[in-house]
Protein backbone atom coordinates (compact mmCIF):
# COMPACT_ATOMS: atom_id res chain seq x y z
CA MET A 1 -0.09 -0.17 0.03
CA ARG A 2 1.16 3.58 -0.74
CA LEU A 3 0.94 6.87 1.41
CA GLN A 4 1.25 10.05 -0.57
CA ALA A 5 1.67 13.59 -0.07
CA GLN A 6 1.15 15.87 -2.89
CA GLY A 7 0.41 19.25 -4.17
CA GLY A 8 1.67 22.38 -3.53
CA GLY A 9 5.05 21.22 -4.97
CA VAL A 10 5.38 18.50 -2.98
CA GLU A 11 5.39 14.69 -3.93
CA GLN A 12 6.43 12.38 -1.13
CA SER A 13 5.58 9.05 -0.68
CA VAL A 14 5.99 6.10 1.63
CA VAL A 15 5.02 2.65 0.80
CA VAL A 16 4.15 -0.17 3.21
CA GLN A 17 4.74 -3.71 1.96
CA SER A 18 3.58 -6.66 3.72
CA GLY A 19 6.19 -8.97 4.95
CA ALA A 20 6.26 -12.93 5.54
CA SER A 21 2.65 -12.67 7.20
CA GLY A 22 1.44 -11.23 4.17
CA VAL A 23 -0.40 -8.64 5.93
CA VAL A 24 -0.48 -4.64 6.52
CA THR A 25 -2.15 -4.04 9.92
CA ALA A 26 -3.74 -0.51 10.64
CA SER A 27 -1.05 -0.09 12.92
CA ASP A 28 1.54 -0.92 10.17
CA ALA A 29 -0.17 1.85 8.07
CA LEU A 30 -0.21 4.27 10.66
CA HIS A 31 3.30 4.08 11.42
CA GLY A 32 3.97 4.86 7.50
CA LEU A 33 1.62 7.71 7.63
CA ALA A 34 3.83 9.10 10.76
CA GLU A 35 6.99 8.41 8.66
CA LEU A 36 5.39 10.27 5.69
CA HIS A 37 4.85 13.18 8.18
CA GLY A 38 7.93 13.09 9.63
CA SER A 39 9.69 13.61 5.98
CA LEU A 40 8.05 16.65 5.09
CA SER A 41 9.17 20.07 6.27
CA SER A 42 7.09 21.69 9.23
CA LYS A 43 5.90 23.87 6.79
CA ASP A 44 4.27 21.22 4.31
CA ALA A 45 3.26 19.17 7.50
CA ALA A 46 1.34 22.01 8.73
CA ALA A 47 -0.57 22.53 5.62
CA ARG A 48 -1.69 18.58 5.59
CA ALA A 49 -2.54 18.36 9.54
CA GLY A 50 -6.02 17.73 8.69
CA SER A 51 -5.47 15.68 5.83
CA PHE A 52 -3.12 13.32 8.19
CA ALA A 53 -5.94 13.35 10.87
CA ARG A 54 -8.54 12.41 8.39
CA ALA A 55 -6.30 9.50 6.92
CA ALA A 56 -5.63 8.52 10.16
CA ARG A 57 -9.23 8.20 10.83
CA TYR A 58 -9.95 6.36 7.77
CA ILE A 59 -7.30 3.71 8.43
CA GLN A 60 -8.88 3.49 11.92
CA ASN A 61 -12.25 3.05 10.72
CA ALA A 62 -11.43 0.44 8.31
CA ALA A 63 -9.55 -1.57 11.08
CA ALA A 64 -12.92 -1.48 12.85
CA GLY A 65 -14.58 -2.94 9.78
CA GLY A 66 -11.98 -5.83 9.32
CA GLY A 67 -9.86 -3.88 6.78
CA VAL A 68 -10.33 -2.88 3.12
CA GLY A 69 -9.16 -4.41 -0.42
CA PHE A 70 -8.31 -2.02 -3.10
CA SER A 71 -9.05 1.57 -2.64
CA LYS A 72 -7.71 4.80 -3.45
CA LYS A 73 -8.97 7.82 -0.99
CA SER A 74 -7.56 11.21 -1.27
CA PHE A 75 -7.59 13.78 2.11
CA PRO A 76 -7.38 17.44 0.46
CA ALA A 77 -6.42 20.07 2.33
CA GLY A 78 -9.55 22.00 1.60
CA PRO A 79 -11.54 22.55 -1.08
CA GLY A 80 -10.11 23.76 -4.51
CA THR A 81 -6.67 22.58 -3.72
CA SER A 82 -4.36 20.26 -4.77
CA VAL A 83 -2.54 19.81 -1.46
CA ARG A 84 -3.81 16.57 0.13
CA VAL A 85 -2.71 13.08 1.44
CA ASP A 86 -3.67 10.09 -0.63
CA VAL A 87 -4.09 6.56 0.69
CA GLU A 88 -3.92 3.98 -1.82
CA VAL A 89 -4.40 0.19 -1.09
CA LEU A 90 -3.35 -1.38 -4.57
CA ARG A 91 -3.54 -5.09 -4.06
CA GLY A 92 -4.28 -7.67 -1.00
CA ARG A 93 -5.71 -6.70 1.92
CA ALA A 94 -4.91 -3.55 4.51
CA PHE A 95 -5.71 -1.88 7.63
CA THR A 96 -6.41 -5.41 9.43
CA PRO A 97 -6.79 -5.01 13.28
CA GLY A 98 -3.78 -6.04 15.26
CA PRO A 99 -0.32 -4.71 16.18
CA ARG A 100 2.63 -4.12 13.88
CA SER A 101 3.21 -6.96 11.76
CA ASP A 102 6.49 -7.64 9.80
CA ALA A 103 5.56 -5.22 7.14
CA ILE A 104 8.37 -3.15 5.66
CA VAL A 105 7.83 0.70 5.32
CA PHE A 106 10.22 2.28 2.83
């Protein structure tokens, strides 16, 4: 699965890849989201604060429902802006409940 900060001249991404266990838990995804947040300048992170909060809530809600399959969600910083955080599950199942797995964040 991929997490991206886009718009406003920013194109940063973090990939969370399942390990031998074959799962990406919500805890793994939230760790990846924190890594993405930390990779941005304080100005770019602040511009996306609401987007990061909504993305985290989406991941937590998905875990409460047992996880999700293929999905692409964008969380814009506001109406009419390209500044956003994207959450993409391109294959398999992600955001399953549980602690951190052996998933790799890069």
